Amino acid sequence: MQSIHKLGERFWYSTAVSLTDRPILGMVTGTKKTLLIDAGNSEEHVTYFIEELNKMGVPNPDIVVLTHWHWDHILGLSALSDTVSMASKQTATEMEKLLPYSWSDEAIDERVREGIEIEFCAKAIKEEYKTHRDIKVTLPDITIESNAEIHLGGVTCIVQHVGGDHAADSVVVYIKEEKILFLGDCIYPKMYAEKVHYTVDETLRLLDVLETFDAETYIPSHQEPISKEEFEKEVAMLRAIAKYTNRCKGDKLKITKEYQNHVKRELTEDEFETIANFVDGY
């Protein structure tokens, strides 16, 4: 079940739902304007979030920022006709490619066979859209090259393109006064590929960028918000495994042994999976 939570003075979010791949949605409330982060995977998804916040006195969003082009972050945009939408230029370009798509089971299955869609997303789309397939891809109103600063009244949102393996068009949203960094999916591996993977150079470049933000809370779209300490642990893991991937030339057994010697304990399931992702990207 989804639930709505408040962080700090001006940020609200809805929890993620794994079955239908609903990501976290965020709302930043200023004294003049309200900003929504991501449009959700369906009109029902984003409408639920907005209506629940309305009950708590939070107004409808004036602006919505899309973190990247993947279906679960954009398909609710058609429900936000009164909201100005913003995304990176790369996001708009990728979304344009979705305009001709049919969303029937047959069409989705064909895209999976062709390698355009992945099985995980196909199942989630069918689960989210059980009762109808009235899907309309709506393009953003405004596109940005690298970054934008949005003043909502008492709170500033910095939208910055960061890229990453998961989606090259990814942006993050830094809520300056709250010290919250909305990561979207940027820290995740690449899913739209023959094998889910991380690449060493792109991961290290992305981490360098993310560490420039003075944040205390981080929002990865398909988990729970994490503290600075938890984020730093994640970064340390990614950096170490990336280093050993290069040093061991992608040899999985050697990487695992080197990393285990480094942490001096048994590895977690997440660490084993991350090693496999780096090996597949090497």
Protein backbone atom coordinates (compact mmCIF):
# COMPACT_ATOMS: atom_id res chain seq x y z
CA MET A 1 0.00 0.00 0.00
CA GLN A 2 1.08 3.55 -0.71
CA SER A 3 1.36 6.05 2.10
CA ILE A 4 2.12 9.78 2.25
CA HIS A 5 4.86 11.22 4.46
CA LYS A 6 6.32 14.64 5.23
CA LEU A 7 10.04 15.34 5.50
CA GLY A 8 11.24 18.63 6.94
CA GLU A 9 9.08 21.71 6.54
CA ARG A 10 8.31 21.74 2.82
CA PHE A 11 8.65 18.26 1.30
CA TRP A 12 6.05 15.50 0.98
CA TYR A 13 6.41 12.12 -0.71
CA SER A 14 4.44 8.99 -1.52
CA THR A 15 6.04 5.60 -0.95
CA ALA A 16 6.97 3.31 -3.85
CA VAL A 17 4.93 0.23 -4.88
CA SER A 18 6.99 -2.65 -6.28
CA LEU A 19 4.19 -4.73 -7.86
CA THR A 20 3.17 -2.02 -10.32
CA ASP A 21 6.57 -0.27 -10.25
CA ARG A 22 5.15 2.97 -8.87
CA PRO A 23 8.13 5.15 -7.90
CA ILE A 24 8.23 7.72 -5.13
CA LEU A 25 6.60 11.02 -6.06
CA GLY A 26 7.71 14.21 -4.31
CA MET A 27 6.02 17.57 -3.66
CA VAL A 28 7.84 20.73 -2.61
CA THR A 29 5.61 23.44 -1.15
CA GLY A 30 6.72 27.06 -1.31
CA THR A 31 4.81 30.13 -0.21
CA LYS A 32 4.17 31.08 -3.86
CA LYS A 33 4.38 27.89 -5.93
CA THR A 34 4.27 24.13 -5.52
CA LEU A 35 6.55 21.73 -7.41
CA LEU A 36 5.87 18.06 -8.12
CA ILE A 37 8.78 15.68 -8.77
CA ASP A 38 7.86 13.05 -11.37
CA ALA A 39 4.44 12.43 -12.89
CA GLY A 40 4.03 8.79 -11.89
CA ASN A 41 3.38 5.65 -13.90
CA SER A 42 -0.30 6.41 -14.55
CA GLU A 43 -2.91 9.12 -14.18
CA GLU A 44 -4.29 7.16 -11.21
CA HIS A 45 -0.90 7.19 -9.51
CA VAL A 46 -0.30 10.93 -9.70
CA THR A 47 -3.96 11.82 -9.05
CA TYR A 48 -3.96 9.75 -5.86
CA PHE A 49 -0.88 11.59 -4.58
CA ILE A 50 -2.25 15.05 -5.35
CA GLU A 51 -5.71 14.31 -3.94
CA GLU A 52 -4.27 12.91 -0.71
CA LEU A 53 -2.11 16.02 -0.32
CA ASN A 54 -5.13 18.25 -1.05
CA LYS A 55 -6.78 16.70 2.03
CA MET A 56 -3.77 17.91 4.04
CA GLY A 57 -4.04 21.44 2.68
CA VAL A 58 -1.31 21.11 0.03
CA PRO A 59 -2.35 22.87 -3.21
CA ASN A 60 -2.16 21.37 -6.70
CA PRO A 61 1.30 21.58 -8.29
CA ASP A 62 2.19 24.57 -10.48
CA ILE A 63 5.28 22.84 -11.93
CA VAL A 64 6.24 19.20 -12.46
CA VAL A 65 9.83 18.07 -13.08
CA LEU A 66 10.44 14.71 -14.77
CA THR A 67 13.60 12.95 -13.58
CA HIS A 68 13.99 10.79 -16.73
CA TRP A 69 12.05 9.20 -19.60
CA HIS A 70 11.15 5.74 -18.23
CA TRP A 71 7.42 4.94 -18.35
CA ASP A 72 6.91 4.75 -14.58
CA HIS A 73 7.98 8.39 -14.17
CA ILE A 74 6.11 10.02 -17.06
CA LEU A 75 2.80 8.33 -17.99
CA GLY A 76 0.81 10.29 -15.39
CA LEU A 77 1.74 13.57 -17.09
CA SER A 78 -1.44 13.49 -19.22
CA ALA A 79 -3.44 14.11 -16.00
CA LEU A 80 -1.53 17.36 -15.30
CA SER A 81 -2.81 19.63 -18.06
CA ASP A 82 -2.85 22.67 -15.73
CA THR A 83 0.73 22.10 -14.59
CA VAL A 84 3.84 23.40 -16.38
CA SER A 85 6.13 20.42 -17.06
CA MET A 86 9.92 20.49 -17.23
CA ALA A 87 12.53 17.90 -18.21
CA SER A 88 15.98 17.66 -19.73
CA LYS A 89 16.22 17.93 -23.52
CA GLN A 90 17.36 14.32 -23.61
CA THR A 91 14.24 13.25 -21.70
CA ALA A 92 11.97 15.00 -24.21
CA THR A 93 13.83 13.33 -27.09
CA GLU A 94 13.42 9.88 -25.56
CA MET A 95 9.74 10.52 -24.79
CA GLU A 96 9.09 11.46 -28.41
CA LYS A 97 10.14 7.93 -29.37
CA LEU A 98 7.25 6.57 -27.27
CA LEU A 99 4.56 8.58 -29.09
CA PRO A 100 3.80 5.96 -31.80
CA TYR A 101 3.59 3.05 -29.35
CA SER A 102 0.51 0.92 -28.86
CA TRP A 103 0.03 -0.31 -25.29
CA SER A 104 -1.93 -3.51 -25.89
CA ASP A 105 -0.57 -6.76 -24.39
CA GLU A 106 0.39 -7.88 -27.88
CA ALA A 107 2.27 -4.67 -28.67
CA ILE A 108 4.11 -4.70 -25.32
CA ASP A 109 5.04 -8.38 -25.74
CA GLU A 110 6.36 -7.67 -29.23
CA ARG A 111 8.57 -4.87 -27.89
CA VAL A 112 9.93 -7.30 -25.28
CA ARG A 113 10.76 -9.81 -28.03
CA GLU A 114 12.48 -7.06 -30.02
CA GLY A 115 14.52 -5.99 -26.99
CA ILE A 116 12.90 -2.53 -26.88
CA GLU A 117 11.03 -3.23 -23.64
CA ILE A 118 12.11 -5.40 -20.70
CA GLU A 119 10.04 -8.19 -19.14
CA PHE A 120 9.98 -6.60 -15.68
CA CYS A 121 8.45 -3.37 -17.01
CA ALA A 122 6.02 -5.24 -19.28
CA LYS A 123 4.61 -7.12 -16.27
CA ALA A 124 4.36 -3.93 -14.20
CA ILE A 125 2.56 -2.03 -17.00
CA LYS A 126 0.00 -4.84 -17.30
CA GLU A 127 -0.48 -4.82 -13.53
CA GLU A 128 -0.87 -1.02 -13.29
CA TYR A 129 -3.21 -0.87 -16.29
CA LYS A 130 -5.41 -3.87 -15.53
CA THR A 131 -8.73 -2.14 -16.21
CA HIS A 132 -7.80 0.07 -19.18
CA ARG A 133 -4.98 0.99 -21.57
CA ASP A 134 -5.92 4.61 -22.12
CA ILE A 135 -2.28 5.70 -22.13
CA LYS A 136 -1.24 9.05 -23.58
CA VAL A 137 2.41 10.14 -23.72
CA THR A 138 2.50 13.89 -23.07
CA LEU A 139 5.70 15.80 -23.85
CA PRO A 140 7.18 18.34 -21.41
CA ASP A 141 6.47 22.07 -21.89
CA ILE A 142 9.99 23.24 -21.00
CA THR A 143 13.34 21.54 -21.58
CA ILE A 144 16.68 22.37 -19.99
CA GLU A 145 20.23 21.73 -21.17
CA SER A 146 22.05 21.29 -17.87
CA ASN A 147 20.34 22.92 -14.87
CA ALA A 148 17.61 25.27 -13.68
CA GLU A 149 16.90 27.06 -10.41
CA ILE A 150 13.26 27.31 -9.38
CA HIS A 151 12.18 29.70 -6.61
CA LEU A 152 8.90 28.60 -5.02
CA GLY A 153 8.83 31.15 -2.21
CA GLY A 154 10.93 30.33 0.85
CA VAL A 155 12.39 27.29 -0.83
CA THR A 156 14.61 26.78 -3.90
CA CYS A 157 14.77 23.70 -6.13
CA ILE A 158 17.86 23.14 -8.24
CA VAL A 159 17.22 20.80 -11.17
CA GLN A 160 20.48 19.41 -12.54
CA HIS A 161 21.23 16.96 -15.31
CA VAL A 162 23.50 14.21 -13.96
CA GLY A 163 23.08 11.27 -16.36
CA GLY A 164 24.28 7.86 -15.20
CA ASP A 165 24.10 4.28 -16.41
CA HIS A 166 20.42 3.87 -15.56
CA ALA A 167 19.32 6.66 -17.92
CA ALA A 168 21.63 9.13 -19.63
CA ASP A 169 18.94 11.85 -19.42
CA SER A 170 18.54 11.70 -15.62
CA VAL A 171 18.18 14.86 -13.58
CA VAL A 172 18.19 15.24 -9.81
CA VAL A 173 16.24 17.82 -7.80
CA TYR A 174 18.06 19.45 -4.88
CA ILE A 175 15.74 21.10 -2.36
CA LYS A 176 18.24 23.60 -1.03
CA GLU A 177 16.73 24.80 2.24
CA GLU A 178 15.66 21.28 3.25
CA LYS A 179 18.99 19.70 2.20
CA ILE A 180 17.08 16.95 0.38
CA LEU A 181 18.44 15.46 -2.84
CA PHE A 182 15.80 13.68 -4.94
CA LEU A 183 17.88 11.14 -6.87
CA GLY A 184 15.19 9.60 -9.05
CA ASP A 185 16.70 6.42 -10.52
CA CYS A 186 20.12 7.86 -11.39
CA ILE A 187 22.08 5.69 -8.92
CA TYR A 188 20.58 2.43 -10.23
CA PRO A 189 22.16 0.24 -12.93
CA LYS A 190 21.14 0.23 -16.58
CA MET A 191 18.00 -1.89 -17.04
CA TYR A 192 17.33 -1.43 -20.75
CA ALA A 193 20.17 -3.68 -21.87
CA GLU A 194 20.88 -7.32 -22.60
CA LYS A 195 22.22 -7.57 -19.03
CA VAL A 196 21.52 -5.21 -16.15
CA HIS A 197 24.83 -3.44 -15.55
CA TYR A 198 27.00 -0.65 -14.18
CA THR A 199 30.03 0.76 -15.99
CA VAL A 200 33.04 1.82 -13.95
CA ASP A 201 33.78 5.22 -15.49
CA GLU A 202 30.16 6.41 -15.63
CA THR A 203 29.45 5.30 -12.07
CA LEU A 204 32.50 7.13 -10.70
CA ARG A 205 31.68 10.27 -12.71
CA LEU A 206 28.08 10.25 -11.41
CA LEU A 207 29.16 9.78 -7.79
CA ASP A 208 31.55 12.72 -8.11
CA VAL A 209 28.62 14.91 -9.21
CA LEU A 210 26.21 13.68 -6.52
CA GLU A 211 28.74 14.30 -3.77
CA THR A 212 28.89 18.01 -4.63
CA PHE A 213 25.41 18.52 -3.13
CA ASP A 214 25.17 19.49 0.54
CA ALA A 215 22.37 17.04 1.32
CA GLU A 216 21.29 15.33 4.54
CA THR A 217 18.49 13.18 3.06
CA TYR A 218 18.49 11.33 -0.26
CA ILE A 219 15.45 10.04 -2.14
CA PRO A 220 16.06 7.05 -4.45
CA SER A 221 12.79 6.53 -6.35
CA HIS A 222 12.21 2.84 -5.63
CA GLN A 223 13.35 2.61 -2.01
CA GLU A 224 12.83 4.54 1.19
CA PRO A 225 14.53 7.91 1.80
CA ILE A 226 18.04 7.40 3.19
CA SER A 227 20.26 9.45 5.50
CA LYS A 228 23.59 11.01 4.56
CA GLU A 229 25.35 8.19 6.43
CA GLU A 230 23.44 5.53 4.46
CA PHE A 231 24.13 7.33 1.19
CA GLU A 232 27.84 7.51 1.99
CA LYS A 233 27.87 3.75 2.66
CA GLU A 234 26.22 3.14 -0.73
CA VAL A 235 28.74 5.42 -2.44
CA ALA A 236 31.66 3.70 -0.68
CA MET A 237 30.39 0.30 -1.84
CA LEU A 238 29.98 1.44 -5.46
CA ARG A 239 33.40 3.12 -5.52
CA ALA A 240 35.16 0.09 -4.02
CA ILE A 241 33.51 -2.44 -6.34
CA ALA A 242 34.20 -0.18 -9.34
CA LYS A 243 37.88 0.00 -8.32
CA TYR A 244 38.20 -3.77 -7.94
CA THR A 245 36.35 -4.34 -11.22
CA ASN A 246 39.05 -2.36 -13.01
CA ARG A 247 41.90 -3.86 -11.02
CA CYS A 248 40.68 -7.44 -11.60
CA LYS A 249 39.73 -6.78 -15.24
CA GLY A 250 36.12 -7.87 -14.71
CA ASP A 251 36.98 -11.25 -13.13
CA LYS A 252 34.02 -11.89 -10.83
CA LEU A 253 35.75 -14.28 -8.42
CA LYS A 254 38.76 -12.00 -8.00
CA ILE A 255 36.56 -8.91 -7.51
CA THR A 256 34.50 -10.73 -4.88
CA LYS A 257 37.63 -11.86 -3.01
CA GLU A 258 39.23 -8.38 -3.13
CA TYR A 259 36.05 -6.67 -1.97
CA GLN A 260 35.49 -9.20 0.82
CA ASN A 261 39.05 -8.59 2.05
CA HIS A 262 38.30 -4.87 1.91
CA VAL A 263 35.12 -5.02 4.04
CA LYS A 264 36.35 -7.89 6.28
CA ARG A 265 32.94 -9.61 6.59
CA GLU A 266 30.46 -11.76 4.71
CA LEU A 267 28.93 -9.95 1.74
CA THR A 268 25.26 -9.01 1.52
CA GLU A 269 22.95 -10.03 -1.30
CA ASP A 270 23.01 -6.42 -2.52
CA GLU A 271 26.82 -6.46 -2.70
CA PHE A 272 26.89 -9.74 -4.65
CA GLU A 273 24.32 -8.30 -7.07
CA THR A 274 26.31 -5.06 -7.48
CA ILE A 275 29.48 -7.03 -8.25
CA ALA A 276 27.57 -8.99 -10.92
CA ASN A 277 26.26 -5.72 -12.39
CA PHE A 278 29.77 -4.29 -12.69
CA VAL A 279 31.08 -7.53 -14.22
CA ASP A 280 28.29 -7.44 -16.82
CA GLY A 281 29.16 -3.84 -17.65
CA TYR A 282 32.91 -4.37 -17.86
